[in-house]
């Protein structure tokens, strides 16, 4: 806008000069013909990207700077560097007087030689004792081998015996179960015999399975016979009901056959007895003295088998116990042999203890040499990093004190630049964004990137601190603690409508432009956004391709006719004559 205002003032000054110089106003007929069109420059609105580049003053220091501090005190015998010298890691910077340290190294080396000579003398004595001990150990190891073999066999036999015992125990369990089942069956038969004896004695036809089954099924006896038997059967049935086991099956006395009268007492008792025998797994033939004898003999036979099986298990237990004792004895012998070997080896080591002592002395002496050499190395000061010598705080032939920095070395391949920005810029920047220094007179500049952004405002400056990593194109151009101008992209937009900055005018705070439509300058209010010295973003009011007036001219206003001009190679403007002008 300052450029536009200057142009207006310049035009007004020229107009006043012309009027003053003329002295009088020419008559109307003497005036030359003046074109009514305003000559203007133009440019189309385009879609593009805009970056706002800002320059900040940044303080710069090496990222890697080391103070070289001696670990010993001494007189500086030689000084190898001066301020500004470039050094490499490990390069000698200076040397202290190390005569005393060298003498300590010599004494430590003599101690190593003495310990090695003592070890050589002791080795010959140890070799004889070692040979005797080795022979004893070899014999004991052979004995141990025999013990281990016997132990392995005994363990295998014990394993087999235990497996056999497992099978025998399974047989004992089976024999026991058979005995218990036979005994249970006998007792059931005995109980049923006691309860059913009276009924069977009174009804001999029921002492066979076939007879009992027929009686339980009923018959076609005469009513008189049935009636006569009913009284006797009822008494028998009552007695049976009182003595029959609780788990015996019950038959309903009122059960009737579909084709016969009510069942008789004999039929009911026979059915009840048959059901009880079935549940017990017996037949009526066993409900007699002869049958009970058979069952009793079965019990005795099962008992004998069970007793014999249990006795066999006991014999096997004795064999297992014997084998276990054998295993324990062999294991003890193995342990004794191992202990003997271990003791012999320990004795062998004890025999070589003389050389072990010398080994310890040698190691201690060698450690002393290393320590003495390290102490001597401290009298030579070397560069811990590659870089440039920034300070030198020692002088030749003068005392340098331990713990006081003698040199400062800065590795300037990477420098740290610190600068401060507003909150808007801080919110736009991010770690990794590129930065660069200003271009110098030779056209050189250094590049870098942002490595840190503070989230809290600096209380003294009221701004946010930003750190950048700079890689100098020439390490000699940057001095530690100085300031540089750092160029940073502080804002940007993409794919926005862009026009020249000079095309925008303002009136009472409202931005507007002149759009050329059919040779007429038409004022159009717009909303502006981000801008730099050359371009400005239009957020509302224009479309890509709109032709704009980009230069100020006297008479430029809303509705004015315009004539487009363009710059030639000499910077002069010339009119673009359209067809209508040609005809006139």
Protein backbone atom coordinates (compact mmCIF):
# COMPACT_ATOMS: atom_id res chain seq x y z
CA UNK A 1 0.00 0.00 0.00
CA UNK A 2 2.90 2.36 0.59
CA UNK A 3 3.84 1.85 -3.07
CA UNK A 4 0.30 2.77 -4.20
CA UNK A 5 0.15 5.91 -2.06
CA UNK A 6 3.53 7.04 -3.42
CA UNK A 7 2.26 6.58 -6.95
CA UNK A 8 -0.81 8.76 -6.19
CA UNK A 9 1.33 11.54 -4.70
CA UNK A 10 3.68 11.38 -7.70
CA UNK A 11 0.78 11.73 -10.16
CA UNK A 12 -0.70 14.71 -8.27
CA UNK A 13 2.69 16.42 -8.20
CA UNK A 14 3.08 16.03 -11.93
CA UNK A 15 -0.39 17.47 -12.52
CA UNK A 16 0.36 20.56 -10.40
CA UNK A 17 3.65 21.04 -12.23
CA UNK A 18 1.92 21.01 -15.63
CA UNK A 19 -0.72 23.54 -14.55
CA UNK A 20 1.86 25.87 -13.06
CA UNK A 21 4.11 25.67 -16.08
CA UNK A 22 1.40 26.52 -18.57
CA UNK A 23 0.54 29.87 -17.00
CA UNK A 24 -2.90 29.97 -18.67
CA UNK A 25 -5.59 27.54 -19.70
CA UNK A 26 -5.70 26.72 -23.41
CA UNK A 27 -8.92 27.20 -25.26
CA UNK A 28 -11.12 24.16 -25.73
CA UNK A 29 -10.49 24.02 -29.46
CA UNK A 30 -6.73 24.03 -28.89
CA UNK A 31 -6.81 21.04 -26.48
CA UNK A 32 -5.45 17.78 -27.95
CA UNK A 33 -7.70 14.74 -28.16
CA UNK A 34 -7.26 12.64 -24.95
CA UNK A 35 -8.30 8.99 -24.80
CA UNK A 36 -10.99 8.32 -22.20
CA UNK A 37 -9.63 4.82 -21.52
CA UNK A 38 -7.38 4.28 -18.51
CA UNK A 39 -4.24 2.36 -19.32
CA UNK A 40 -3.63 -0.40 -16.77
CA UNK A 41 -1.60 -3.55 -16.27
CA UNK A 42 -3.49 -6.78 -15.60
CA UNK A 43 -3.06 -10.30 -14.37
CA UNK A 44 -5.36 -13.27 -13.82
CA UNK A 45 -6.22 -14.74 -10.40
CA UNK A 46 -4.67 -18.22 -10.11
CA UNK A 47 -4.74 -21.21 -7.76
CA UNK A 48 -1.43 -21.69 -6.00
CA UNK A 49 0.57 -22.11 -2.81
CA UNK A 50 1.94 -19.31 -0.65
CA UNK A 51 4.72 -19.50 1.89
CA UNK A 52 5.53 -16.67 4.29
CA UNK A 53 9.26 -16.55 4.91
CA UNK A 54 10.46 -14.74 8.04
CA UNK A 55 13.95 -13.88 9.22
CA UNK A 56 14.92 -14.24 12.87
CA UNK A 57 18.08 -13.30 14.76
CA UNK A 58 19.42 -16.51 16.30
CA UNK A 59 22.26 -17.08 18.76
CA UNK A 60 24.52 -19.92 17.66
CA UNK A 61 26.73 -22.35 19.56
CA UNK A 62 28.31 -25.72 18.77
CA UNK A 63 26.14 -28.68 19.68
CA UNK A 64 29.24 -30.63 20.63
CA UNK A 65 31.75 -28.59 22.65
CA UNK A 66 34.16 -30.18 25.14
CA UNK A 67 36.35 -28.69 27.87
CA UNK A 68 39.57 -30.74 28.04
CA UNK A 69 40.50 -31.02 31.72
CA UNK A 70 43.78 -32.73 32.86
CA UNK A 71 43.43 -35.52 35.43
CA UNK A 72 46.92 -34.84 36.80
CA UNK A 73 48.99 -31.77 37.58
CA UNK A 74 52.34 -31.15 35.89
CA UNK A 75 54.70 -28.84 34.09
CA UNK A 76 53.85 -28.36 30.40
CA UNK A 77 56.88 -29.58 28.44
CA UNK A 78 55.40 -29.14 24.96
CA UNK A 79 52.33 -27.33 23.58
CA UNK A 80 51.19 -28.61 20.18
CA UNK A 81 48.18 -26.39 19.28
CA UNK A 82 46.89 -22.83 19.35
CA UNK A 83 43.47 -21.19 19.18
CA UNK A 84 41.79 -21.73 15.81
CA UNK A 85 43.66 -24.94 14.97
CA UNK A 86 41.59 -27.82 13.64
CA UNK A 87 42.36 -31.08 15.44
CA UNK A 88 41.30 -34.71 15.11
CA UNK A 89 40.12 -37.01 17.87
CA UNK A 90 43.14 -38.49 19.66
CA UNK A 91 45.56 -35.80 18.46
CA UNK A 92 48.14 -34.68 21.06
CA UNK A 93 47.41 -31.19 22.43
CA UNK A 94 50.23 -30.92 24.97
CA UNK A 95 52.55 -33.06 27.15
CA UNK A 96 53.40 -32.77 30.85
CA UNK A 97 56.69 -33.81 32.48
CA UNK A 98 56.18 -37.60 33.09
CA UNK A 99 59.60 -38.66 34.46
CA UNK A 100 58.15 -39.92 37.77
CA UNK A 101 55.35 -41.80 36.01
CA UNK A 102 57.88 -43.50 33.68
CA UNK A 103 59.88 -44.73 36.72
CA UNK A 104 56.69 -46.26 38.19
CA UNK A 105 56.12 -48.16 34.93
CA UNK A 106 59.68 -49.58 35.06
CA UNK A 107 59.25 -50.81 38.67
CA UNK A 108 55.93 -52.51 37.80
CA UNK A 109 57.53 -54.30 34.82
CA UNK A 110 60.36 -55.61 37.06
CA UNK A 111 57.76 -57.05 39.46
CA UNK A 112 56.16 -59.00 36.60
CA UNK A 113 59.51 -60.51 35.58
CA UNK A 114 60.23 -61.62 39.18
CA UNK A 115 56.84 -63.35 39.57
CA UNK A 116 57.26 -65.23 36.27
CA UNK A 117 60.70 -66.55 37.34
CA UNK A 118 59.25 -67.86 40.65
CA UNK A 119 56.47 -69.68 38.81
CA UNK A 120 58.95 -71.45 36.50
CA UNK A 121 60.90 -72.81 39.48
CA UNK A 122 57.78 -74.13 41.17
CA UNK A 123 56.40 -75.86 38.07
CA UNK A 124 59.01 -78.70 38.07
CA UNK A 125 58.07 -79.71 41.66
CA UNK A 126 54.37 -79.67 40.86
CA UNK A 127 54.69 -81.94 37.82
CA UNK A 128 55.86 -85.01 39.84
CA UNK A 129 53.09 -84.68 42.43
CA UNK A 130 50.57 -84.18 39.68
CA UNK A 131 51.57 -87.43 37.90
CA UNK A 132 51.05 -89.50 41.08
CA UNK A 133 47.69 -87.86 41.77
CA UNK A 134 46.54 -88.48 38.18
CA UNK A 135 47.30 -92.24 38.50
CA UNK A 136 45.24 -92.49 41.69
CA UNK A 137 42.36 -90.64 40.12
CA UNK A 138 42.42 -92.92 37.05
CA UNK A 139 42.18 -96.07 39.26
CA UNK A 140 39.30 -94.68 41.28
CA UNK A 141 37.46 -93.66 38.13
CA UNK A 142 37.70 -97.25 36.81
CA UNK A 143 36.26 -98.57 40.11
CA UNK A 144 33.51 -95.98 39.89
CA UNK A 145 32.67 -97.20 36.40
CA UNK A 146 32.10 -100.78 37.76
CA UNK A 147 29.92 -99.48 40.61
CA UNK A 148 27.79 -97.48 38.19
CA UNK A 149 27.30 -100.53 35.95
CA UNK A 150 26.18 -102.71 38.90
CA UNK A 151 23.92 -99.92 40.16
CA UNK A 152 22.27 -99.63 36.74
CA UNK A 153 21.51 -103.39 36.64
CA UNK A 154 20.15 -103.38 40.21
CA UNK A 155 17.85 -100.46 39.39
CA UNK A 156 16.55 -102.28 36.31
CA UNK A 157 15.83 -105.43 38.37
CA UNK A 158 14.09 -103.33 41.01
CA UNK A 159 11.98 -101.68 38.32
CA UNK A 160 10.95 -105.07 36.93
CA UNK A 161 10.12 -106.38 40.44
CA UNK A 162 7.92 -103.39 41.14
CA UNK A 163 6.14 -103.88 37.81
CA UNK A 164 5.54 -107.57 38.71
CA UNK A 165 4.24 -106.56 42.12
CA UNK A 166 1.76 -104.24 40.45
CA UNK A 167 0.39 -107.11 38.38
CA UNK A 168 0.29 -109.48 41.39
CA UNK A 169 -1.57 -106.85 43.42
CA UNK A 170 -4.11 -106.60 40.62
CA UNK A 171 -4.56 -110.44 40.88
CA UNK A 172 -4.88 -110.23 44.67
CA UNK A 173 -7.59 -107.59 44.29
CA UNK A 174 -9.45 -109.76 41.79
CA UNK A 175 -9.18 -112.86 44.08
CA UNK A 176 -10.38 -110.80 47.01
CA UNK A 177 -13.37 -109.53 45.04
CA UNK A 178 -14.20 -113.11 43.93
CA UNK A 179 -14.02 -114.33 47.53
CA UNK A 180 -16.20 -111.47 48.79
CA UNK A 181 -18.76 -112.06 46.01
CA UNK A 182 -18.91 -115.85 46.75
CA UNK A 183 -19.29 -115.16 50.46
CA UNK A 184 -22.04 -112.60 49.83
CA UNK A 185 -23.89 -115.01 47.54
CA UNK A 186 -23.67 -117.76 50.15
CA UNK A 187 -25.07 -115.50 52.86
CA UNK A 188 -27.95 -114.41 50.62
CA UNK A 189 -28.76 -118.06 49.81
CA UNK A 190 -28.61 -118.92 53.49
CA UNK A 191 -31.00 -116.09 54.36
CA UNK A 192 -33.45 -117.03 51.59
CA UNK A 193 -33.24 -120.72 52.66
CA UNK A 194 -34.19 -119.81 56.24
CA UNK A 195 -37.14 -117.71 55.02
CA UNK A 196 -38.44 -120.04 52.28
CA UNK A 197 -37.78 -123.45 53.93
CA UNK A 198 -41.32 -123.81 55.25
CA UNK A 199 -42.89 -122.90 51.91
CA UNK A 200 -40.66 -125.28 49.95
CA UNK A 201 -41.23 -128.14 52.41
CA UNK A 202 -44.97 -127.61 52.05
CA UNK A 203 -44.70 -127.36 48.26
CA UNK A 204 -42.10 -129.85 47.03
CA UNK A 205 -43.08 -129.12 43.44
CA UNK A 206 -41.51 -125.65 43.89
CA UNK A 207 -38.01 -126.99 44.74
CA UNK A 208 -37.00 -126.89 41.07
CA UNK A 209 -36.70 -123.81 38.85
CA UNK A 210 -39.32 -125.22 36.47
CA UNK A 211 -41.75 -126.03 39.32
CA UNK A 212 -41.30 -122.68 41.00
CA UNK A 213 -41.76 -120.86 37.70
CA UNK A 214 -45.00 -122.85 37.00
CA UNK A 215 -46.35 -122.15 40.50
CA UNK A 216 -45.61 -118.44 40.10
CA UNK A 217 -47.52 -118.49 36.81
CA UNK A 218 -50.67 -119.91 38.52
CA UNK A 219 -53.07 -122.86 37.53
CA UNK A 220 -56.78 -124.02 37.02
CA UNK A 221 -57.43 -125.86 40.36
CA UNK A 222 -61.01 -126.34 41.54
CA UNK A 223 -62.53 -123.61 43.60
CA UNK A 224 -62.88 -125.90 46.60
CA UNK A 225 -59.21 -126.81 46.43
CA UNK A 226 -58.33 -123.15 45.94
CA UNK A 227 -60.43 -122.20 48.93
CA UNK A 228 -58.91 -124.92 51.08
CA UNK A 229 -55.46 -123.88 50.14
CA UNK A 230 -56.15 -120.19 50.59
CA UNK A 231 -56.16 -120.40 54.40
CA UNK A 232 -52.91 -122.37 54.56
CA UNK A 233 -51.24 -120.21 51.88
CA UNK A 234 -52.25 -117.03 53.61
CA UNK A 235 -50.49 -118.16 56.79
CA UNK A 236 -47.39 -119.12 54.79
CA UNK A 237 -47.46 -115.87 52.83
CA UNK A 238 -47.63 -113.86 56.04
CA UNK A 239 -44.68 -115.78 57.46
CA UNK A 240 -42.68 -115.24 54.28
CA UNK A 241 -43.51 -111.55 54.23
CA UNK A 242 -42.15 -111.21 57.77
CA UNK A 243 -38.84 -112.98 56.98
CA UNK A 244 -38.11 -112.09 53.33
CA UNK A 245 -35.14 -109.61 52.89
CA UNK A 246 -36.09 -105.98 52.44
CA UNK A 247 -34.73 -105.90 48.89
CA UNK A 248 -36.89 -108.87 47.76
CA UNK A 249 -39.52 -107.99 45.14
CA UNK A 250 -43.16 -107.61 46.25
CA UNK A 251 -46.15 -109.10 44.39
CA UNK A 252 -49.59 -107.47 44.72
CA UNK A 253 -51.97 -110.10 46.22
CA UNK A 254 -54.88 -108.55 44.37
CA UNK A 255 -53.28 -109.16 40.96
CA UNK A 256 -55.68 -110.98 38.74
CA UNK A 257 -55.12 -112.93 35.57
CA UNK A 258 -57.20 -111.72 32.64
CA UNK A 259 -58.66 -115.24 32.25
CA UNK A 260 -58.49 -116.70 35.83
CA UNK A 261 -59.87 -115.89 39.26
CA UNK A 262 -57.80 -114.06 41.89
CA UNK A 263 -54.27 -115.55 42.28
CA UNK A 264 -53.79 -118.06 45.10
CA UNK A 265 -51.51 -117.56 48.08
CA UNK A 266 -49.13 -120.24 46.72
CA UNK A 267 -48.90 -118.41 43.44
CA UNK A 268 -48.14 -115.12 45.22
CA UNK A 269 -45.49 -116.70 47.46
CA UNK A 270 -43.92 -118.56 44.53
CA UNK A 271 -43.78 -115.35 42.50
CA UNK A 272 -42.25 -113.45 45.43
CA UNK A 273 -39.61 -116.21 45.98
CA UNK A 274 -38.78 -116.37 42.27
CA UNK A 275 -38.27 -112.59 42.14
CA UNK A 276 -36.03 -112.67 45.24
CA UNK A 277 -33.87 -115.45 43.74
CA UNK A 278 -33.52 -113.54 40.46
CA UNK A 279 -32.37 -110.40 42.23
CA UNK A 280 -29.83 -112.40 44.28
CA UNK A 281 -28.51 -114.18 41.16
CA UNK A 282 -29.57 -117.63 42.47
CA UNK A 283 -31.87 -120.49 41.50
CA UNK A 284 -34.18 -122.41 43.83
CA UNK A 285 -31.88 -125.46 43.59
CA UNK A 286 -29.38 -123.61 45.85
CA UNK A 287 -32.09 -123.06 48.51
CA UNK A 288 -31.36 -126.39 50.10
CA UNK A 289 -28.73 -128.00 52.29
CA UNK A 290 -27.01 -129.42 49.22
CA UNK A 291 -27.07 -126.10 47.41
CA UNK A 292 -25.76 -124.24 50.44
CA UNK A 293 -22.92 -126.77 50.71
CA UNK A 294 -21.91 -126.07 47.12
CA UNK A 295 -21.95 -122.33 47.76
CA UNK A 296 -19.95 -122.84 50.99
CA UNK A 297 -17.34 -124.82 49.08
CA UNK A 298 -17.13 -122.04 46.49
CA UNK A 299 -16.45 -119.56 49.28
CA UNK A 300 -13.66 -121.73 50.71
CA UNK A 301 -12.09 -122.18 47.25
CA UNK A 302 -12.13 -118.40 46.59
CA UNK A 303 -10.69 -117.78 50.04
CA UNK A 304 -7.83 -120.19 49.35
CA UNK A 305 -7.03 -118.49 46.01
CA UNK A 306 -7.08 -115.07 47.71
CA UNK A 307 -4.83 -116.27 50.55
CA UNK A 308 -2.30 -117.78 48.14
CA UNK A 309 -2.24 -114.60 46.02
CA UNK A 310 -1.67 -112.44 49.10
CA UNK A 311 1.16 -114.75 50.19
CA UNK A 312 2.82 -114.41 46.74
CA UNK A 313 2.62 -110.62 47.03
CA UNK A 314 4.36 -110.82 50.41
CA UNK A 315 7.21 -112.88 48.96
CA UNK A 316 7.66 -110.32 46.16
CA UNK A 317 7.75 -107.54 48.75
CA UNK A 318 10.70 -109.30 50.37
CA UNK A 319 12.52 -109.48 47.00
CA UNK A 320 11.84 -105.78 46.34
CA UNK A 321 13.17 -104.86 49.77
CA UNK A 322 16.35 -106.86 49.07
CA UNK A 323 16.83 -105.13 45.70
CA UNK A 324 16.24 -101.71 47.23
CA UNK A 325 18.89 -102.44 49.85
CA UNK A 326 21.30 -103.50 47.08
CA UNK A 327 20.61 -100.29 45.14
CA UNK A 328 21.25 -98.19 48.26
CA UNK A 329 24.54 -99.98 48.93
CA UNK A 330 25.73 -99.55 45.33
CA UNK A 331 24.69 -95.90 45.35
CA UNK A 332 26.69 -95.38 48.53
CA UNK A 333 29.73 -97.00 46.90
CA UNK A 334 29.32 -94.73 43.86
CA UNK A 335 29.13 -91.68 46.14
CA UNK A 336 32.24 -92.76 48.01
CA UNK A 337 34.14 -93.25 44.74
CA UNK A 338 33.06 -89.82 43.51
CA UNK A 339 34.10 -88.23 46.79
CA UNK A 340 37.48 -90.00 46.56
CA UNK A 341 38.02 -88.65 43.02
CA UNK A 342 37.00 -85.15 44.08
CA UNK A 343 39.37 -85.28 47.06
CA UNK A 344 42.20 -86.52 44.82
CA UNK A 345 41.62 -83.72 42.34
CA UNK A 346 41.54 -81.22 45.17
CA UNK A 347 44.80 -82.62 46.43
CA UNK A 348 46.24 -82.30 42.93
CA UNK A 349 45.19 -78.67 42.82
CA UNK A 350 46.69 -78.17 46.27
CA UNK A 351 49.95 -79.65 44.96
CA UNK A 352 49.92 -76.99 42.22
CA UNK A 353 49.04 -74.22 44.66
CA UNK A 354 52.62 -73.01 44.47
CA UNK A 355 52.24 -72.08 40.81
CA UNK A 356 48.76 -70.69 41.56
CA UNK A 357 50.29 -68.28 44.03
CA UNK A 358 52.79 -67.15 41.41
CA UNK A 359 49.96 -66.77 38.89
CA UNK A 360 48.22 -64.44 41.30
CA UNK A 361 51.44 -62.52 41.80
CA UNK A 362 51.94 -62.25 38.04
CA UNK A 363 48.38 -60.99 37.53
CA UNK A 364 48.79 -58.44 40.31
CA UNK A 365 52.11 -57.26 38.86
CA UNK A 366 50.63 -57.02 35.35
CA UNK A 367 47.74 -54.99 36.75
CA UNK A 368 50.33 -52.72 38.34
CA UNK A 369 51.98 -52.25 34.95
CA UNK A 370 48.66 -51.35 33.35
CA UNK A 371 47.90 -48.90 36.14
CA UNK A 372 51.35 -47.28 35.90
CA UNK A 373 51.09 -46.98 32.13
CA UNK A 374 47.63 -45.45 32.44
CA UNK A 375 48.93 -42.91 34.94
CA UNK A 376 51.78 -42.11 32.55
CA UNK A 377 49.30 -41.65 29.69
CA UNK A 378 47.49 -38.97 31.70
CA UNK A 379 50.55 -36.73 31.26
CA UNK A 380 49.81 -36.59 27.53
CA UNK A 381 46.68 -34.52 26.84
CA UNK A 382 44.80 -35.56 23.67
CA UNK A 383 41.70 -34.29 21.89
CA UNK A 384 38.55 -36.23 22.94
CA UNK A 385 36.72 -35.10 19.76
CA UNK A 386 37.56 -33.67 16.37
CA UNK A 387 36.97 -29.95 16.05
CA UNK A 388 38.43 -26.48 16.36
CA UNK A 389 40.47 -25.23 19.33
CA UNK A 390 38.39 -22.43 20.87
CA UNK A 391 40.51 -21.70 23.99
CA UNK A 392 44.00 -22.57 25.26
CA UNK A 393 44.53 -22.04 29.02
CA UNK A 394 48.06 -23.50 29.48
CA UNK A 395 51.54 -22.29 28.60
CA UNK A 396 54.81 -24.10 27.89
CA UNK A 397 57.12 -24.65 30.90
CA UNK A 398 54.39 -23.54 33.30
CA UNK A 399 52.43 -25.57 35.85
CA UNK A 400 49.02 -26.89 34.78
CA UNK A 401 46.68 -27.90 37.57
CA UNK A 402 44.51 -31.00 37.67
CA UNK A 403 40.78 -30.30 37.25
CA UNK A 404 41.27 -26.92 35.54
CA UNK A 405 40.20 -26.86 31.84
CA UNK A 406 43.27 -26.59 29.62
CA UNK A 407 41.53 -26.46 26.22
CA UNK A 408 38.06 -26.04 24.75
CA UNK A 409 37.29 -27.91 21.51
CA UNK A 410 34.15 -27.34 19.46
CA UNK A 411 32.99 -29.73 16.78
CA UNK A 412 31.33 -27.32 14.35
CA UNK A 413 29.96 -29.75 11.83
CA UNK A 414 26.64 -29.18 13.59
CA UNK A 415 25.67 -25.94 15.34
CA UNK A 416 22.63 -25.09 17.44
CA UNK A 417 20.76 -21.89 16.64
CA UNK A 418 18.21 -20.52 19.15
CA UNK A 419 15.58 -17.91 18.30
CA UNK A 420 12.21 -16.70 19.60
CA UNK A 421 8.80 -16.60 17.85
CA UNK A 422 5.22 -15.59 18.57
CA UNK A 423 2.56 -18.11 19.55
CA UNK A 424 1.04 -18.13 16.04
CA UNK A 425 4.37 -19.01 14.48
CA UNK A 426 5.10 -21.55 17.24
CA UNK A 427 1.82 -23.31 16.51
CA UNK A 428 2.69 -23.48 12.80
CA UNK A 429 6.25 -24.78 13.21
CA UNK A 430 7.07 -28.41 13.92
CA UNK A 431 10.21 -30.41 14.63
CA UNK A 432 11.93 -31.33 11.36
CA UNK A 433 10.88 -28.18 9.45
CA UNK A 434 13.74 -26.84 7.27
CA UNK A 435 15.63 -23.61 8.02
CA UNK A 436 18.58 -21.83 6.42
CA UNK A 437 20.85 -18.90 6.98
CA UNK A 438 20.68 -15.76 4.85
CA UNK A 439 22.62 -15.88 1.61
CA UNK A 440 25.96 -14.11 1.96
CA UNK A 441 27.64 -11.93 -0.67
CA UNK A 442 29.21 -14.98 -2.31
CA UNK A 443 25.83 -16.66 -2.62
CA UNK A 444 26.54 -19.24 0.12
CA UNK A 445 24.18 -20.28 2.89
CA UNK A 446 23.87 -23.07 5.46
CA UNK A 447 20.88 -25.36 5.88
CA UNK A 448 19.37 -27.09 8.87
CA UNK A 449 16.17 -28.16 10.59
CA UNK A 450 14.17 -27.43 13.72
CA UNK A 451 15.04 -29.80 16.58
CA UNK A 452 13.04 -28.36 19.48
CA UNK A 453 10.11 -26.03 20.23
CA UNK A 454 9.37 -24.87 23.78
CA UNK A 455 5.75 -25.21 24.88
CA UNK A 456 6.10 -22.56 27.61
CA UNK A 457 6.67 -18.89 26.93
CA UNK A 458 10.00 -17.38 27.97
CA UNK A 459 9.10 -15.08 30.94
CA UNK A 460 11.72 -12.46 30.00
CA UNK A 461 11.05 -12.24 26.28
CA UNK A 462 7.35 -13.12 26.23
CA UNK A 463 8.00 -15.38 23.24
CA UNK A 464 8.56 -19.08 22.59
CA UNK A 465 12.09 -20.43 22.18
CA UNK A 466 12.86 -22.55 19.11
CA UNK A 467 16.07 -24.55 18.55
CA UNK A 468 17.43 -25.46 15.14
CA UNK A 469 20.31 -27.66 14.04
CA UNK A 470 22.53 -25.94 11.44
CA UNK A 471 25.18 -27.60 9.29
CA UNK A 472 27.60 -24.83 8.22
CA UNK A 473 28.78 -24.93 4.62
CA UNK A 474 32.11 -23.70 6.06
CA UNK A 475 32.85 -24.27 9.77
CA UNK A 476 35.06 -21.21 9.92
CA UNK A 477 32.19 -18.79 9.19
CA UNK A 478 30.45 -19.39 12.53
CA UNK A 479 31.92 -18.30 15.84
CA UNK A 480 30.54 -19.70 19.09
CA UNK A 481 28.21 -17.33 20.96
CA UNK A 482 27.56 -15.04 17.97
CA UNK A 483 24.29 -14.25 16.19
CA UNK A 484 23.10 -15.09 12.68
CA UNK A 485 20.03 -14.30 10.59
CA UNK A 486 17.93 -17.45 10.21
CA UNK A 487 15.32 -17.78 7.45
CA UNK A 488 12.23 -19.79 8.45
CA UNK A 489 8.95 -20.59 6.71
CA UNK A 490 6.61 -19.15 9.35
CA UNK A 491 3.28 -19.85 7.61
CA UNK A 492 1.91 -21.34 4.40
CA UNK A 493 -1.29 -22.25 2.55
CA UNK A 494 -1.95 -24.54 -0.39
CA UNK A 495 -4.41 -24.50 -3.31
CA UNK A 496 -5.70 -20.97 -2.65
CA UNK A 497 -6.70 -18.10 -4.98
CA UNK A 498 -3.61 -15.88 -5.38
CA UNK A 499 -3.31 -12.38 -6.87
CA UNK A 500 -0.52 -9.74 -6.82
CA UNK A 501 -0.35 -7.84 -3.55
CA UNK A 502 -0.51 -4.50 -5.42
CA UNK A 503 -3.90 -5.37 -6.92
CA UNK A 504 -5.70 -4.93 -3.58
CA UNK A 505 -7.08 -1.58 -2.39
CA UNK A 506 -8.67 -0.66 0.92
CA UNK A 507 -11.46 1.71 1.83
CA UNK A 508 -12.64 2.04 5.42
CA UNK A 509 -11.02 -1.30 6.19
CA UNK A 510 -12.76 -3.09 3.29
CA UNK A 511 -10.44 -4.74 0.78
CA UNK A 512 -11.43 -4.55 -2.90
CA UNK A 513 -10.01 -5.11 -6.36
CA UNK A 514 -10.86 -4.03 -9.92
CA UNK A 515 -11.96 -6.88 -12.15
CA UNK A 516 -11.85 -6.22 -15.88
CA UNK A 517 -15.15 -7.22 -17.53
CA UNK A 518 -15.65 -6.37 -21.24
CA UNK A 519 -13.06 -3.57 -21.04
CA UNK A 520 -14.65 -2.05 -17.90
CA UNK A 521 -13.00 -1.90 -14.45
CA UNK A 522 -15.54 -3.28 -11.99
CA UNK A 523 -14.94 -2.88 -8.26
CA UNK A 524 -15.34 -6.10 -6.29
CA UNK A 525 -15.07 -6.43 -2.52
CA UNK A 526 -12.95 -9.37 -1.38
CA UNK A 527 -11.79 -11.14 1.78
CA UNK A 528 -8.02 -11.48 2.11
CA UNK A 529 -5.84 -14.03 3.85
CA UNK A 530 -2.14 -14.78 4.10
CA UNK A 531 0.20 -12.51 2.12
CA UNK A 532 3.82 -11.66 1.47
CA UNK A 533 5.53 -8.79 -0.32
CA UNK A 534 4.44 -10.05 -3.75
CA UNK A 535 1.19 -12.01 -3.44
CA UNK A 536 -1.92 -12.20 -1.29
CA UNK A 537 -4.52 -14.93 -0.74
CA UNK A 538 -8.15 -14.12 -1.58
CA UNK A 539 -10.46 -16.26 0.54
CA UNK A 540 -13.74 -14.88 -0.86
CA UNK A 541 -14.89 -12.68 -3.77
CA UNK A 542 -12.75 -13.97 -6.66
CA UNK A 543 -12.47 -17.09 -8.79
CA UNK A 544 -9.46 -18.46 -10.64
CA UNK A 545 -9.20 -16.85 -14.08
CA UNK A 546 -10.67 -13.45 -13.09
CA UNK A 547 -8.67 -10.68 -14.86
CA UNK A 548 -7.54 -8.00 -12.39
CA UNK A 549 -6.09 -4.52 -12.62
CA UNK A 550 -2.60 -4.73 -11.08
CA UNK A 551 -1.41 -1.11 -11.52
CA UNK A 552 -2.72 2.22 -10.28
CA UNK A 553 -3.66 4.92 -12.77
CA UNK A 554 -5.38 8.33 -12.66
CA UNK A 555 -9.07 7.91 -13.41
CA UNK A 556 -9.20 4.29 -12.28
CA UNK A 557 -12.56 3.78 -10.62
CA UNK A 558 -15.58 1.56 -10.69
CA UNK A 559 -17.01 1.57 -14.24
CA UNK A 560 -13.99 3.17 -15.90
CA UNK A 561 -13.02 1.96 -19.36
CA UNK A 562 -9.56 0.46 -19.35
CA UNK A 563 -6.91 -0.29 -21.91
CA UNK A 564 -4.49 -3.11 -21.15
CA UNK A 565 -0.79 -2.34 -21.42
CA UNK A 566 2.27 -4.56 -21.16
CA UNK A 567 5.93 -3.92 -20.35
CA UNK A 568 8.50 -4.13 -23.12
CA UNK A 569 12.12 -5.17 -22.61
CA UNK A 570 13.09 -1.61 -21.57
CA UNK A 571 10.46 -1.51 -18.82
CA UNK A 572 8.20 0.83 -20.83
CA UNK A 573 4.48 0.14 -21.25
CA UNK A 574 2.59 0.14 -24.54
CA UNK A 575 -1.12 0.00 -25.24
CA UNK A 576 -2.94 -3.00 -26.61
CA UNK A 577 -5.16 -1.65 -29.42
CA UNK A 578 -8.39 -3.53 -29.86
CA UNK A 579 -10.48 -3.72 -33.07
CA UNK A 580 -12.78 -0.84 -32.11
CA UNK A 581 -9.85 1.55 -31.66
CA UNK A 582 -8.45 0.54 -35.02
CA UNK A 583 -11.68 1.45 -36.74
CA UNK A 584 -11.75 4.89 -35.08
